[in-house]
Amino acid sequence: MKLIIVIGMHEHQDQLDKLFKESGIPIFSKVDVKGFKSGNKQADLSNWFGGGTDPNLSIMFFAFVPKQNAESILEKVKGFNSEENRIAPLHAFQLPVEKIV
């Protein structure tokens, strides 16, 4: 079992819905997120949120899924990000789930 987290700009919500469903993940959660940039540079995350001090509206999707569905959504996120030169690409994370109660 894996925990999948995908974060993107709020404008990507419809595309994220589609990516999750195409990956065989019909049940997932969404959370609105306000992203801020502190001014400190983070080389790997330079395009995470825009510059300035105003918050940027993002959305976070997450789901607990079997390994094969986790691999599918991560591949679809890679494909989405490579379709064009995106200023704000999706960010996806896979975490192991050791126990569920």
PDB file of N, CA and C in Angstrom:
ATOM      1  N   MET A   1       0.844  -1.170   0.000  1.00  0.00           N
ATOM      2  CA  MET A   1       0.000   0.000   0.000  1.00  0.00           C
ATOM      3  C   MET A   1       0.892   1.237   0.000  1.00  0.00           C
ATOM      4  N   LYS A   2       0.471   2.246  -0.761  1.00  0.00           N
ATOM      5  CA  LYS A   2       1.223   3.494  -0.875  1.00  0.00           C
ATOM      6  C   LYS A   2       0.298   4.681  -0.612  1.00  0.00           C
ATOM      7  N   LEU A   3       0.895   5.751  -0.124  1.00  0.00           N
ATOM      8  CA  LEU A   3       0.205   7.039  -0.031  1.00  0.00           C
ATOM      9  C   LEU A   3       0.744   7.889  -1.165  1.00  0.00           C
ATOM     10  N   ILE A   4      -0.152   8.332  -2.035  1.00  0.00           N
ATOM     11  CA  ILE A   4       0.222   9.187  -3.160  1.00  0.00           C
ATOM     12  C   ILE A   4      -0.272  10.593  -2.860  1.00  0.00           C
ATOM     13  N   ILE A   5       0.606  11.572  -3.049  1.00  0.00           N
ATOM     14  CA  ILE A   5       0.257  12.981  -2.881  1.00  0.00           C
ATOM     15  C   ILE A   5       0.658  13.699  -4.162  1.00  0.00           C
ATOM     16  N   VAL A   6      -0.271  14.451  -4.732  1.00  0.00           N
ATOM     17  CA  VAL A   6       0.025  15.245  -5.928  1.00  0.00           C
ATOM     18  C   VAL A   6      -0.432  16.674  -5.649  1.00  0.00           C
ATOM     19  N   ILE A   7       0.480  17.621  -5.861  1.00  0.00           N
ATOM     20  CA  ILE A   7       0.183  19.035  -5.633  1.00  0.00           C
ATOM     21  C   ILE A   7       0.358  19.792  -6.945  1.00  0.00           C
ATOM     22  N   GLY A   8      -0.606  20.646  -7.242  1.00  0.00           N
ATOM     23  CA  GLY A   8      -0.534  21.460  -8.444  1.00  0.00           C
ATOM     24  C   GLY A   8      -1.282  22.762  -8.232  1.00  0.00           C
ATOM     25  N   MET A   9      -1.221  23.609  -9.217  1.00  0.00           N
ATOM     26  CA  MET A   9      -1.958  24.863  -9.162  1.00  0.00           C
ATOM     27  C   MET A   9      -3.458  24.550  -9.231  1.00  0.00           C
ATOM     28  N   HIS A  10      -4.251  25.391  -8.625  1.00  0.00           N
ATOM     29  CA  HIS A  10      -5.695  25.161  -8.566  1.00  0.00           C
ATOM     30  C   HIS A  10      -6.287  24.983  -9.962  1.00  0.00           C
ATOM     31  N   GLU A  11      -5.707  25.628 -10.941  1.00  0.00           N
ATOM     32  CA  GLU A  11      -6.191  25.537 -12.322  1.00  0.00           C
ATOM     33  C   GLU A  11      -6.051  24.129 -12.890  1.00  0.00           C
ATOM     34  N   HIS A  12      -5.232  23.273 -12.275  1.00  0.00           N
ATOM     35  CA  HIS A  12      -5.015  21.908 -12.765  1.00  0.00           C
ATOM     36  C   HIS A  12      -6.006  20.905 -12.181  1.00  0.00           C
ATOM     37  N   GLN A  13      -6.975  21.361 -11.423  1.00  0.00           N
ATOM     38  CA  GLN A  13      -7.878  20.450 -10.724  1.00  0.00           C
ATOM     39  C   GLN A  13      -8.571  19.466 -11.667  1.00  0.00           C
ATOM     40  N   ASP A  14      -9.110  19.934 -12.779  1.00  0.00           N
ATOM     41  CA  ASP A  14      -9.808  19.038 -13.707  1.00  0.00           C
ATOM     42  C   ASP A  14      -8.861  18.001 -14.295  1.00  0.00           C
ATOM     43  N   GLN A  15      -7.638  18.425 -14.649  1.00  0.00           N
ATOM     44  CA  GLN A  15      -6.668  17.476 -15.186  1.00  0.00           C
ATOM     45  C   GLN A  15      -6.273  16.441 -14.134  1.00  0.00           C
ATOM     46  N   LEU A  16      -6.131  16.878 -12.874  1.00  0.00           N
ATOM     47  CA  LEU A  16      -5.787  15.940 -11.803  1.00  0.00           C
ATOM     48  C   LEU A  16      -6.912  14.934 -11.569  1.00  0.00           C
ATOM     49  N   ASP A  17      -8.151  15.386 -11.589  1.00  0.00           N
ATOM     50  CA  ASP A  17      -9.289  14.463 -11.487  1.00  0.00           C
ATOM     51  C   ASP A  17      -9.162  13.368 -12.543  1.00  0.00           C
ATOM     52  N   LYS A  18      -8.897  13.784 -13.762  1.00  0.00           N
ATOM     53  CA  LYS A  18      -8.795  12.850 -14.886  1.00  0.00           C
ATOM     54  C   LYS A  18      -7.615  11.891 -14.709  1.00  0.00           C
ATOM     55  N   LEU A  19      -6.450  12.399 -14.296  1.00  0.00           N
ATOM     56  CA  LEU A  19      -5.272  11.549 -14.112  1.00  0.00           C
ATOM     57  C   LEU A  19      -5.521  10.482 -13.051  1.00  0.00           C
ATOM     58  N   PHE A  20      -6.161  10.851 -11.959  1.00  0.00           N
ATOM     59  CA  PHE A  20      -6.446   9.870 -10.904  1.00  0.00           C
ATOM     60  C   PHE A  20      -7.408   8.799 -11.413  1.00  0.00           C
ATOM     61  N   LYS A  21      -8.457   9.206 -12.092  1.00  0.00           N
ATOM     62  CA  LYS A  21      -9.428   8.237 -12.603  1.00  0.00           C
ATOM     63  C   LYS A  21      -8.804   7.330 -13.655  1.00  0.00           C
ATOM     64  N   GLU A  22      -7.970   7.885 -14.551  1.00  0.00           N
ATOM     65  CA  GLU A  22      -7.288   7.077 -15.568  1.00  0.00           C
ATOM     66  C   GLU A  22      -6.294   6.099 -14.951  1.00  0.00           C
ATOM     67  N   SER A  23      -5.837   6.381 -13.739  1.00  0.00           N
ATOM     68  CA  SER A  23      -4.884   5.510 -13.051  1.00  0.00           C
ATOM     69  C   SER A  23      -5.588   4.451 -12.210  1.00  0.00           C
ATOM     70  N   GLY A  24      -6.899   4.360 -12.334  1.00  0.00           N
ATOM     71  CA  GLY A  24      -7.647   3.371 -11.571  1.00  0.00           C
ATOM     72  C   GLY A  24      -7.810   3.752 -10.116  1.00  0.00           C
ATOM     73  N   ILE A  25      -7.813   5.063  -9.841  1.00  0.00           N
ATOM     74  CA  ILE A  25      -7.969   5.571  -8.474  1.00  0.00           C
ATOM     75  C   ILE A  25      -9.269   6.382  -8.428  1.00  0.00           C
ATOM     76  N   PRO A  26     -10.416   5.702  -8.225  1.00  0.00           N
ATOM     77  CA  PRO A  26     -11.693   6.417  -8.234  1.00  0.00           C
ATOM     78  C   PRO A  26     -12.003   7.146  -6.932  1.00  0.00           C
ATOM     79  N   ILE A  27     -11.286   6.798  -5.856  1.00  0.00           N
ATOM     80  CA  ILE A  27     -11.541   7.418  -4.554  1.00  0.00           C
ATOM     81  C   ILE A  27     -10.275   8.129  -4.100  1.00  0.00           C
ATOM     82  N   PHE A  28     -10.384   9.445  -3.898  1.00  0.00           N
ATOM     83  CA  PHE A  28      -9.243  10.244  -3.469  1.00  0.00           C
ATOM     84  C   PHE A  28      -9.762  11.466  -2.739  1.00  0.00           C
ATOM     85  N   SER A  29      -8.877  12.164  -2.075  1.00  0.00           N
ATOM     86  CA  SER A  29      -9.242  13.378  -1.337  1.00  0.00           C
ATOM     87  C   SER A  29      -8.550  14.580  -1.957  1.00  0.00           C
ATOM     88  N   LYS A  30      -9.184  15.751  -1.799  1.00  0.00           N
ATOM     89  CA  LYS A  30      -8.629  17.011  -2.296  1.00  0.00           C
ATOM     90  C   LYS A  30      -8.609  18.018  -1.155  1.00  0.00           C
ATOM     91  N   VAL A  31      -7.560  18.816  -1.119  1.00  0.00           N
ATOM     92  CA  VAL A  31      -7.442  19.860  -0.105  1.00  0.00           C
ATOM     93  C   VAL A  31      -6.924  21.123  -0.779  1.00  0.00           C
ATOM     94  N   ASP A  32      -7.578  22.256  -0.541  1.00  0.00           N
ATOM     95  CA  ASP A  32      -7.054  23.531  -1.029  1.00  0.00           C
ATOM     96  C   ASP A  32      -5.844  23.909  -0.189  1.00  0.00           C
ATOM     97  N   VAL A  33      -4.816  24.421  -0.849  1.00  0.00           N
ATOM     98  CA  VAL A  33      -3.556  24.763  -0.188  1.00  0.00           C
ATOM     99  C   VAL A  33      -3.168  26.180  -0.587  1.00  0.00           C
ATOM    100  N   LYS A  34      -2.722  26.982   0.384  1.00  0.00           N
ATOM    101  CA  LYS A  34      -2.157  28.296   0.094  1.00  0.00           C
ATOM    102  C   LYS A  34      -0.646  28.152   0.138  1.00  0.00           C
ATOM    103  N   GLY A  35       0.005  28.389  -0.981  1.00  0.00           N
ATOM    104  CA  GLY A  35       1.457  28.266  -1.047  1.00  0.00           C
ATOM    105  C   GLY A  35       2.131  29.617  -0.925  1.00  0.00           C
ATOM    106  N   PHE A  36       3.192  29.668  -0.155  1.00  0.00           N
ATOM    107  CA  PHE A  36       3.965  30.888   0.042  1.00  0.00           C
ATOM    108  C   PHE A  36       5.417  30.612  -0.293  1.00  0.00           C
ATOM    109  N   LYS A  37       6.123  31.632  -0.709  1.00  0.00           N
ATOM    110  CA  LYS A  37       7.552  31.529  -0.957  1.00  0.00           C
ATOM    111  C   LYS A  37       8.247  32.409   0.069  1.00  0.00           C
ATOM    112  N   SER A  38       9.176  31.836   0.821  1.00  0.00           N
ATOM    113  CA  SER A  38       9.807  32.563   1.923  1.00  0.00           C
ATOM    114  C   SER A  38      10.920  33.494   1.463  1.00  0.00           C
ATOM    115  N   GLY A  39      11.345  33.356   0.227  1.00  0.00           N
ATOM    116  CA  GLY A  39      12.460  34.164  -0.252  1.00  0.00           C
ATOM    117  C   GLY A  39      13.756  33.388  -0.245  1.00  0.00           C
ATOM    118  N   ASN A  40      13.809  32.312   0.524  1.00  0.00           N
ATOM    119  CA  ASN A  40      14.990  31.451   0.513  1.00  0.00           C
ATOM    120  C   ASN A  40      14.931  30.569  -0.720  1.00  0.00           C
ATOM    121  N   LYS A  41      16.050  30.440  -1.407  1.00  0.00           N
ATOM    122  CA  LYS A  41      16.075  29.626  -2.615  1.00  0.00           C
ATOM    123  C   LYS A  41      16.122  28.151  -2.261  1.00  0.00           C
ATOM    124  N   GLN A  42      15.350  27.384  -2.996  1.00  0.00           N
ATOM    125  CA  GLN A  42      15.373  25.932  -2.928  1.00  0.00           C
ATOM    126  C   GLN A  42      15.573  25.463  -4.358  1.00  0.00           C
ATOM    127  N   ALA A  43      16.755  25.048  -4.699  1.00  0.00           N
ATOM    128  CA  ALA A  43      17.109  24.756  -6.084  1.00  0.00           C
ATOM    129  C   ALA A  43      16.154  23.780  -6.754  1.00  0.00           C
ATOM    130  N   ASP A  44      15.752  22.726  -6.076  1.00  0.00           N
ATOM    131  CA  ASP A  44      14.908  21.715  -6.699  1.00  0.00           C
ATOM    132  C   ASP A  44      13.452  22.143  -6.810  1.00  0.00           C
ATOM    133  N   LEU A  45      13.058  23.151  -6.066  1.00  0.00           N
ATOM    134  CA  LEU A  45      11.663  23.558  -6.046  1.00  0.00           C
ATOM    135  C   LEU A  45      11.481  25.004  -6.481  1.00  0.00           C
ATOM    136  N   SER A  46      12.330  25.500  -7.364  1.00  0.00           N
ATOM    137  CA  SER A  46      12.321  26.917  -7.719  1.00  0.00           C
ATOM    138  C   SER A  46      11.014  27.365  -8.354  1.00  0.00           C
ATOM    139  N   ASN A  47      10.288  26.479  -9.009  1.00  0.00           N
ATOM    140  CA  ASN A  47       9.026  26.859  -9.634  1.00  0.00           C
ATOM    141  C   ASN A  47       7.822  26.401  -8.831  1.00  0.00           C
ATOM    142  N   TRP A  48       8.035  26.029  -7.581  1.00  0.00           N
ATOM    143  CA  TRP A  48       6.939  25.490  -6.777  1.00  0.00           C
ATOM    144  C   TRP A  48       5.805  26.502  -6.652  1.00  0.00           C
ATOM    145  N   PHE A  49       6.105  27.713  -6.217  1.00  0.00           N
ATOM    146  CA  PHE A  49       5.116  28.780  -6.115  1.00  0.00           C
ATOM    147  C   PHE A  49       5.721  30.036  -6.717  1.00  0.00           C
ATOM    148  N   GLY A  50       4.879  30.927  -7.161  1.00  0.00           N
ATOM    149  CA  GLY A  50       5.359  32.159  -7.761  1.00  0.00           C
ATOM    150  C   GLY A  50       6.056  33.056  -6.763  1.00  0.00           C
ATOM    151  N   GLY A  51       6.707  34.085  -7.277  1.00  0.00           N
ATOM    152  CA  GLY A  51       7.399  35.034  -6.413  1.00  0.00           C
ATOM    153  C   GLY A  51       6.416  35.929  -5.690  1.00  0.00           C
ATOM    154  N   GLY A  52       6.924  36.715  -4.799  1.00  0.00           N
ATOM    155  CA  GLY A  52       6.075  37.635  -4.058  1.00  0.00           C
ATOM    156  C   GLY A  52       5.597  37.033  -2.756  1.00  0.00           C
ATOM    157  N   THR A  53       4.871  37.855  -2.005  1.00  0.00           N
ATOM    158  CA  THR A  53       4.422  37.409  -0.692  1.00  0.00           C
ATOM    159  C   THR A  53       2.958  37.001  -0.670  1.00  0.00           C
ATOM    160  N   ASP A  54       2.208  37.268  -1.734  1.00  0.00           N
ATOM    161  CA  ASP A  54       0.808  36.860  -1.777  1.00  0.00           C
ATOM    162  C   ASP A  54       0.728  35.346  -1.944  1.00  0.00           C
ATOM    163  N   PRO A  55      -0.244  34.717  -1.288  1.00  0.00           N
ATOM    164  CA  PRO A  55      -0.356  33.262  -1.422  1.00  0.00           C
ATOM    165  C   PRO A  55      -0.838  32.878  -2.811  1.00  0.00           C
ATOM    166  N   ASN A  56      -0.397  31.720  -3.274  1.00  0.00           N
ATOM    167  CA  ASN A  56      -0.863  31.150  -4.528  1.00  0.00           C
ATOM    168  C   ASN A  56      -1.768  29.985  -4.189  1.00  0.00           C
ATOM    169  N   LEU A  57      -2.921  29.929  -4.840  1.00  0.00           N
ATOM    170  CA  LEU A  57      -3.862  28.864  -4.554  1.00  0.00           C
ATOM    171  C   LEU A  57      -3.452  27.597  -5.283  1.00  0.00           C
ATOM    172  N   SER A  58      -3.226  26.570  -4.513  1.00  0.00           N
ATOM    173  CA  SER A  58      -2.860  25.267  -5.039  1.00  0.00           C
ATOM    174  C   SER A  58      -3.876  24.254  -4.548  1.00  0.00           C
ATOM    175  N   ILE A  59      -3.764  23.049  -5.085  1.00  0.00           N
ATOM    176  CA  ILE A  59      -4.634  21.975  -4.647  1.00  0.00           C
ATOM    177  C   ILE A  59      -3.785  20.736  -4.429  1.00  0.00           C
ATOM    178  N   MET A  60      -4.107  19.991  -3.381  1.00  0.00           N
ATOM    179  CA  MET A  60      -3.389  18.763  -3.074  1.00  0.00           C
ATOM    180  C   MET A  60      -4.376  17.603  -3.142  1.00  0.00           C
ATOM    181  N   PHE A  61      -4.029  16.607  -3.939  1.00  0.00           N
ATOM    182  CA  PHE A  61      -4.807  15.379  -4.026  1.00  0.00           C
ATOM    183  C   PHE A  61      -4.025  14.305  -3.285  1.00  0.00           C
ATOM    184  N   PHE A  62      -4.722  13.425  -2.577  1.00  0.00           N
ATOM    185  CA  PHE A  62      -4.018  12.296  -1.978  1.00  0.00           C
ATOM    186  C   PHE A  62      -4.932  11.085  -1.918  1.00  0.00           C
ATOM    187  N   ALA A  63      -4.288   9.908  -1.933  1.00  0.00           N
ATOM    188  CA  ALA A  63      -5.032   8.650  -1.898  1.00  0.00           C
ATOM    189  C   ALA A  63      -4.125   7.538  -1.393  1.00  0.00           C
ATOM    190  N   PHE A  64      -4.738   6.558  -0.762  1.00  0.00           N
ATOM    191  CA  PHE A  64      -4.055   5.335  -0.360  1.00  0.00           C
ATOM    192  C   PHE A  64      -4.368   4.297  -1.425  1.00  0.00           C
ATOM    193  N   VAL A  65      -3.327   3.777  -2.075  1.00  0.00           N
ATOM    194  CA  VAL A  65      -3.537   2.923  -3.245  1.00  0.00           C
ATOM    195  C   VAL A  65      -2.568   1.742  -3.256  1.00  0.00           C
ATOM    196  N   PRO A  66      -2.916   0.675  -4.007  1.00  0.00           N
ATOM    197  CA  PRO A  66      -1.959  -0.410  -4.224  1.00  0.00           C
ATOM    198  C   PRO A  66      -0.773   0.086  -5.057  1.00  0.00           C
ATOM    199  N   LYS A  67       0.326  -0.640  -4.985  1.00  0.00           N
ATOM    200  CA  LYS A  67       1.569  -0.243  -5.659  1.00  0.00           C
ATOM    201  C   LYS A  67       1.368   0.035  -7.154  1.00  0.00           C
ATOM    202  N   GLN A  68       0.614  -0.824  -7.856  1.00  0.00           N
ATOM    203  CA  GLN A  68       0.458  -0.648  -9.309  1.00  0.00           C
ATOM    204  C   GLN A  68      -0.274   0.647  -9.653  1.00  0.00           C
ATOM    205  N   ASN A  69      -1.246   1.056  -8.827  1.00  0.00           N
ATOM    206  CA  ASN A  69      -1.927   2.326  -9.073  1.00  0.00           C
ATOM    207  C   ASN A  69      -1.009   3.505  -8.782  1.00  0.00           C
ATOM    208  N   ALA A  70      -0.141   3.355  -7.779  1.00  0.00           N
ATOM    209  CA  ALA A  70       0.828   4.409  -7.461  1.00  0.00           C
ATOM    210  C   ALA A  70       1.772   4.624  -8.636  1.00  0.00           C
ATOM    211  N   GLU A  71       2.259   3.531  -9.204  1.00  0.00           N
ATOM    212  CA  GLU A  71       3.158   3.637 -10.357  1.00  0.00           C
ATOM    213  C   GLU A  71       2.456   4.293 -11.535  1.00  0.00           C
ATOM    214  N   SER A  72       1.190   3.952 -11.740  1.00  0.00           N
ATOM    215  CA  SER A  72       0.429   4.514 -12.855  1.00  0.00           C
ATOM    216  C   SER A  72       0.264   6.030 -12.727  1.00  0.00           C
ATOM    217  N   ILE A  73      -0.144   6.506 -11.555  1.00  0.00           N
ATOM    218  CA  ILE A  73      -0.355   7.950 -11.399  1.00  0.00           C
ATOM    219  C   ILE A  73       0.957   8.711 -11.511  1.00  0.00           C
ATOM    220  N   LEU A  74       2.052   8.153 -10.992  1.00  0.00           N
ATOM    221  CA  LEU A  74       3.347   8.839 -11.106  1.00  0.00           C
ATOM    222  C   LEU A  74       3.775   8.956 -12.565  1.00  0.00           C
ATOM    223  N   GLU A  75       3.538   7.919 -13.358  1.00  0.00           N
ATOM    224  CA  GLU A  75       3.858   7.980 -14.790  1.00  0.00           C
ATOM    225  C   GLU A  75       2.982   9.008 -15.501  1.00  0.00           C
ATOM    226  N   LYS A  76       1.725   9.077 -15.130  1.00  0.00           N
ATOM    227  CA  LYS A  76       0.824  10.058 -15.757  1.00  0.00           C
ATOM    228  C   LYS A  76       1.216  11.491 -15.387  1.00  0.00           C
ATOM    229  N   VAL A  77       1.676  11.700 -14.161  1.00  0.00           N
ATOM    230  CA  VAL A  77       2.155  13.030 -13.760  1.00  0.00           C
ATOM    231  C   VAL A  77       3.398  13.396 -14.567  1.00  0.00           C
ATOM    232  N   LYS A  78       4.324  12.444 -14.745  1.00  0.00           N
ATOM    233  CA  LYS A  78       5.512  12.703 -15.580  1.00  0.00           C
ATOM    234  C   LYS A  78       5.091  13.108 -16.984  1.00  0.00           C
ATOM    235  N   GLY A  79       4.139  12.377 -17.554  1.00  0.00           N
ATOM    236  CA  GLY A  79       3.653  12.692 -18.894  1.00  0.00           C
ATOM    237  C   GLY A  79       3.009  14.063 -18.962  1.00  0.00           C
ATOM    238  N   PHE A  80       2.195  14.388 -17.977  1.00  0.00           N
ATOM    239  CA  PHE A  80       1.541  15.698 -17.916  1.00  0.00           C
ATOM    240  C   PHE A  80       2.581  16.806 -17.890  1.00  0.00           C
ATOM    241  N   ASN A  81       3.608  16.646 -17.055  1.00  0.00           N
ATOM    242  CA  ASN A  81       4.642  17.677 -16.926  1.00  0.00           C
ATOM    243  C   ASN A  81       5.489  17.813 -18.186  1.00  0.00           C
ATOM    244  N   SER A  82       5.620  16.742 -18.967  1.00  0.00           N
ATOM    245  CA  SER A  82       6.470  16.801 -20.160  1.00  0.00           C
ATOM    246  C   SER A  82       5.720  17.265 -21.407  1.00  0.00           C
ATOM    247  N   GLU A  83       4.403  17.404 -21.328  1.00  0.00           N
ATOM    248  CA  GLU A  83       3.609  17.792 -22.494  1.00  0.00           C
ATOM    249  C   GLU A  83       3.992  19.153 -23.044  1.00  0.00           C
ATOM    250  N   GLU A  84       4.340  20.062 -22.183  1.00  0.00           N
ATOM    251  CA  GLU A  84       4.747  21.396 -22.609  1.00  0.00           C
ATOM    252  C   GLU A  84       5.667  21.969 -21.548  1.00  0.00           C
ATOM    253  N   ASN A  85       6.270  23.071 -21.836  1.00  0.00           N
ATOM    254  CA  ASN A  85       7.197  23.697 -20.891  1.00  0.00           C
ATOM    255  C   ASN A  85       6.382  24.404 -19.815  1.00  0.00           C
ATOM    256  N   ARG A  86       6.089  23.711 -18.742  1.00  0.00           N
ATOM    257  CA  ARG A  86       5.203  24.242 -17.706  1.00  0.00           C
ATOM    258  C   ARG A  86       5.954  25.112 -16.709  1.00  0.00           C
ATOM    259  N   ILE A  87       5.390  26.260 -16.391  1.00  0.00           N
ATOM    260  CA  ILE A  87       5.952  27.132 -15.358  1.00  0.00           C
ATOM    261  C   ILE A  87       5.683  26.523 -13.988  1.00  0.00           C
ATOM    262  N   ALA A  88       4.518  25.911 -13.831  1.00  0.00           N
ATOM    263  CA  ALA A  88       4.137  25.319 -12.547  1.00  0.00           C
ATOM    264  C   ALA A  88       3.775  23.849 -12.767  1.00  0.00           C
ATOM    265  N   PRO A  89       4.757  22.967 -12.803  1.00  0.00           N
ATOM    266  CA  PRO A  89       4.463  21.546 -13.009  1.00  0.00           C
ATOM    267  C   PRO A  89       3.799  20.935 -11.778  1.00  0.00           C
ATOM    268  N   LEU A  90       3.200  19.779 -11.972  1.00  0.00           N
ATOM    269  CA  LEU A  90       2.667  19.021 -10.845  1.00  0.00           C
ATOM    270  C   LEU A  90       3.828  18.435 -10.061  1.00  0.00           C
ATOM    271  N   HIS A  91       3.645  18.265  -8.761  1.00  0.00           N
ATOM    272  CA  HIS A  91       4.643  17.628  -7.899  1.00  0.00           C
ATOM    273  C   HIS A  91       3.973  16.423  -7.257  1.00  0.00           C
ATOM    274  N   ALA A  92       4.576  15.244  -7.418  1.00  0.00           N
ATOM    275  CA  ALA A  92       3.982  14.016  -6.896  1.00  0.00           C
ATOM    276  C   ALA A  92       4.955  13.310  -5.966  1.00  0.00           C
ATOM    277  N   PHE A  93       4.390  12.686  -4.943  1.00  0.00           N
ATOM    278  CA  PHE A  93       5.179  11.981  -3.935  1.00  0.00           C
ATOM    279  C   PHE A  93       4.544  10.628  -3.662  1.00  0.00           C
ATOM    280  N   GLN A  94       5.377   9.634  -3.444  1.00  0.00           N
ATOM    281  CA  GLN A  94       4.911   8.307  -3.051  1.00  0.00           C
ATOM    282  C   GLN A  94       5.547   7.958  -1.713  1.00  0.00           C
ATOM    283  N   LEU A  95       4.727   7.585  -0.748  1.00  0.00           N
ATOM    284  CA  LEU A  95       5.215   7.215   0.576  1.00  0.00           C
ATOM    285  C   LEU A  95       4.715   5.815   0.924  1.00  0.00           C
ATOM    286  N   PRO A  96       5.541   5.019   1.586  1.00  0.00           N
ATOM    287  CA  PRO A  96       5.081   3.686   1.984  1.00  0.00           C
ATOM    288  C   PRO A  96       4.091   3.776   3.149  1.00  0.00           C
ATOM    289  N   VAL A  97       3.111   2.902   3.132  1.00  0.00           N
ATOM    290  CA  VAL A  97       2.160   2.806   4.237  1.00  0.00           C
ATOM    291  C   VAL A  97       2.419   1.464   4.912  1.00  0.00           C
ATOM    292  N   GLU A  98       2.893   1.510   6.133  1.00  0.00           N
ATOM    293  CA  GLU A  98       3.271   0.287   6.831  1.00  0.00           C
ATOM    294  C   GLU A  98       2.102  -0.379   7.542  1.00  0.00           C
ATOM    295  N   LYS A  99       1.182   0.401   8.067  1.00  0.00           N
ATOM    296  CA  LYS A  99       0.027  -0.155   8.777  1.00  0.00           C
ATOM    297  C   LYS A  99      -1.204   0.703   8.534  1.00  0.00           C
ATOM    298  N   ILE A 100      -2.341   0.030   8.486  1.00  0.00           N
ATOM    299  CA  ILE A 100      -3.629   0.720   8.417  1.00  0.00           C
ATOM    300  C   ILE A 100      -4.511   0.111   9.504  1.00  0.00           C
ATOM    301  N   VAL A 101      -5.134   0.944  10.298  1.00  0.00           N
ATOM    302  CA  VAL A 101      -6.003   0.457  11.380  1.00  0.00           C
ATOM    303  C   VAL A 101      -7.433   0.849  11.083  1.00  0.00           C
TER     304      VAL A 101
END
